[in-house]
Amino acid sequence: MIPARYGPVLFSFILSGVMSLLVSGISTFRAAQVDQGFLGLWVGTWLTGWLFAFPAVMLAAPLARRVVARVVAREG
């Protein structure tokens, strides 16, 4: 098992992977349509996108948490 202290990094890794997979797939489909080289092109764009998405999520997540904390009502 992975120690709990690595949870935020693992969350960012998985979230950025899934989101970049979806966005690159849609973008690749719109640009190239489905042909014989689509899957290879998609994987290449996904990996490139993930390379940028993971650090972006790591940097943006704390800011997003602070913004959400300011705009939601406190319970109690």
C-alpha atoms as a PDB file:
ATOM      1  CA  MET A   1       0.000   0.000   0.000  1.00  0.00           C
ATOM      2  CA  ILE A   2       1.008   3.578  -0.599  1.00  0.00           C
ATOM      3  CA  PRO A   3       1.353   5.734   2.549  1.00  0.00           C
ATOM      4  CA  ALA A   4      -1.487   8.238   3.076  1.00  0.00           C
ATOM      5  CA  ARG A   5       0.888  11.217   2.937  1.00  0.00           C
ATOM      6  CA  TYR A   6       1.273  10.569  -0.816  1.00  0.00           C
ATOM      7  CA  GLY A   7      -2.504  10.723  -1.341  1.00  0.00           C
ATOM      8  CA  PRO A   8      -2.611  14.257  -2.800  1.00  0.00           C
ATOM      9  CA  VAL A   9       0.175  13.465  -5.274  1.00  0.00           C
ATOM     10  CA  LEU A  10      -1.503  10.207  -6.318  1.00  0.00           C
ATOM     11  CA  PHE A  11      -4.842  12.001  -6.681  1.00  0.00           C
ATOM     12  CA  SER A  12      -3.209  14.647  -8.902  1.00  0.00           C
ATOM     13  CA  PHE A  13      -1.463  11.953 -10.941  1.00  0.00           C
ATOM     14  CA  ILE A  14      -4.680  10.008 -11.582  1.00  0.00           C
ATOM     15  CA  LEU A  15      -6.850  13.101 -12.170  1.00  0.00           C
ATOM     16  CA  SER A  16      -4.392  14.645 -14.616  1.00  0.00           C
ATOM     17  CA  GLY A  17      -4.037  11.326 -16.441  1.00  0.00           C
ATOM     18  CA  VAL A  18      -7.767  10.809 -16.896  1.00  0.00           C
ATOM     19  CA  MET A  19      -8.504  14.408 -17.841  1.00  0.00           C
ATOM     20  CA  SER A  20      -5.624  14.654 -20.304  1.00  0.00           C
ATOM     21  CA  LEU A  21      -6.695  11.313 -21.828  1.00  0.00           C
ATOM     22  CA  LEU A  22     -10.221  12.620 -22.435  1.00  0.00           C
ATOM     23  CA  VAL A  23      -9.211  16.069 -23.680  1.00  0.00           C
ATOM     24  CA  SER A  24      -6.475  14.755 -25.987  1.00  0.00           C
ATOM     25  CA  GLY A  25      -8.847  12.115 -27.367  1.00  0.00           C
ATOM     26  CA  ILE A  26     -11.503  14.682 -28.209  1.00  0.00           C
ATOM     27  CA  SER A  27      -8.961  17.111 -29.658  1.00  0.00           C
ATOM     28  CA  THR A  28      -7.243  14.417 -31.707  1.00  0.00           C
ATOM     29  CA  PHE A  29     -10.576  13.142 -33.017  1.00  0.00           C
ATOM     30  CA  ARG A  30     -11.653  16.638 -34.057  1.00  0.00           C
ATOM     31  CA  ALA A  31      -8.337  17.318 -35.780  1.00  0.00           C
ATOM     32  CA  ALA A  32      -7.643  13.963 -37.429  1.00  0.00           C
ATOM     33  CA  GLN A  33     -10.922  12.022 -37.334  1.00  0.00           C
ATOM     34  CA  VAL A  34     -10.650   8.260 -36.973  1.00  0.00           C
ATOM     35  CA  ASP A  35      -8.212   6.663 -39.368  1.00  0.00           C
ATOM     36  CA  GLN A  36      -5.623   3.910 -39.092  1.00  0.00           C
ATOM     37  CA  GLY A  37      -3.140   6.088 -37.205  1.00  0.00           C
ATOM     38  CA  PHE A  38      -5.640   7.595 -34.765  1.00  0.00           C
ATOM     39  CA  LEU A  39      -4.771   5.459 -31.744  1.00  0.00           C
ATOM     40  CA  GLY A  40      -1.028   6.083 -32.050  1.00  0.00           C
ATOM     41  CA  LEU A  41      -1.573   9.797 -32.568  1.00  0.00           C
ATOM     42  CA  TRP A  42      -3.914   9.918 -29.569  1.00  0.00           C
ATOM     43  CA  VAL A  43      -1.450   8.146 -27.277  1.00  0.00           C
ATOM     44  CA  GLY A  44       1.320  10.516 -28.340  1.00  0.00           C
ATOM     45  CA  THR A  45      -0.771  13.607 -27.706  1.00  0.00           C
ATOM     46  CA  TRP A  46      -2.025  12.179 -24.416  1.00  0.00           C
ATOM     47  CA  LEU A  47       1.453  11.526 -23.059  1.00  0.00           C
ATOM     48  CA  THR A  48       2.598  14.998 -24.078  1.00  0.00           C
ATOM     49  CA  GLY A  49      -0.497  16.521 -22.496  1.00  0.00           C
ATOM     50  CA  TRP A  50      -0.042  14.506 -19.306  1.00  0.00           C
ATOM     51  CA  LEU A  51       3.530  15.729 -19.048  1.00  0.00           C
ATOM     52  CA  PHE A  52       2.146  19.261 -18.685  1.00  0.00           C
ATOM     53  CA  ALA A  53      -1.140  18.425 -16.939  1.00  0.00           C
ATOM     54  CA  PHE A  54       0.356  16.682 -13.897  1.00  0.00           C
ATOM     55  CA  PRO A  55       2.511  19.589 -12.699  1.00  0.00           C
ATOM     56  CA  ALA A  56      -0.304  22.005 -13.560  1.00  0.00           C
ATOM     57  CA  VAL A  57      -2.726  20.078 -11.328  1.00  0.00           C
ATOM     58  CA  MET A  58      -0.127  19.921  -8.550  1.00  0.00           C
ATOM     59  CA  LEU A  59       0.267  23.703  -8.697  1.00  0.00           C
ATOM     60  CA  ALA A  60      -3.399  24.589  -9.234  1.00  0.00           C
ATOM     61  CA  ALA A  61      -4.986  22.269  -6.643  1.00  0.00           C
ATOM     62  CA  PRO A  62      -3.982  24.277  -3.536  1.00  0.00           C
ATOM     63  CA  LEU A  63      -5.212  27.496  -5.134  1.00  0.00           C
ATOM     64  CA  ALA A  64      -8.489  25.843  -6.145  1.00  0.00           C
ATOM     65  CA  ARG A  65      -8.977  24.527  -2.599  1.00  0.00           C
ATOM     66  CA  ARG A  66      -8.489  28.032  -1.165  1.00  0.00           C
ATOM     67  CA  VAL A  67     -10.937  29.571  -3.660  1.00  0.00           C
ATOM     68  CA  VAL A  68     -13.556  26.903  -2.909  1.00  0.00           C
ATOM     69  CA  ALA A  69     -13.101  27.405   0.833  1.00  0.00           C
ATOM     70  CA  ARG A  70     -13.814  31.118   0.405  1.00  0.00           C
ATOM     71  CA  VAL A  71     -16.944  30.738  -1.736  1.00  0.00           C
ATOM     72  CA  VAL A  72     -18.784  27.912   0.029  1.00  0.00           C
ATOM     73  CA  ALA A  73     -20.860  28.460   3.135  1.00  0.00           C
ATOM     74  CA  ARG A  74     -19.521  27.115   6.388  1.00  0.00           C
ATOM     75  CA  GLU A  75     -21.710  24.492   8.024  1.00  0.00           C
ATOM     76  CA  GLY A  76     -22.769  24.811  11.587  1.00  0.00           C
END
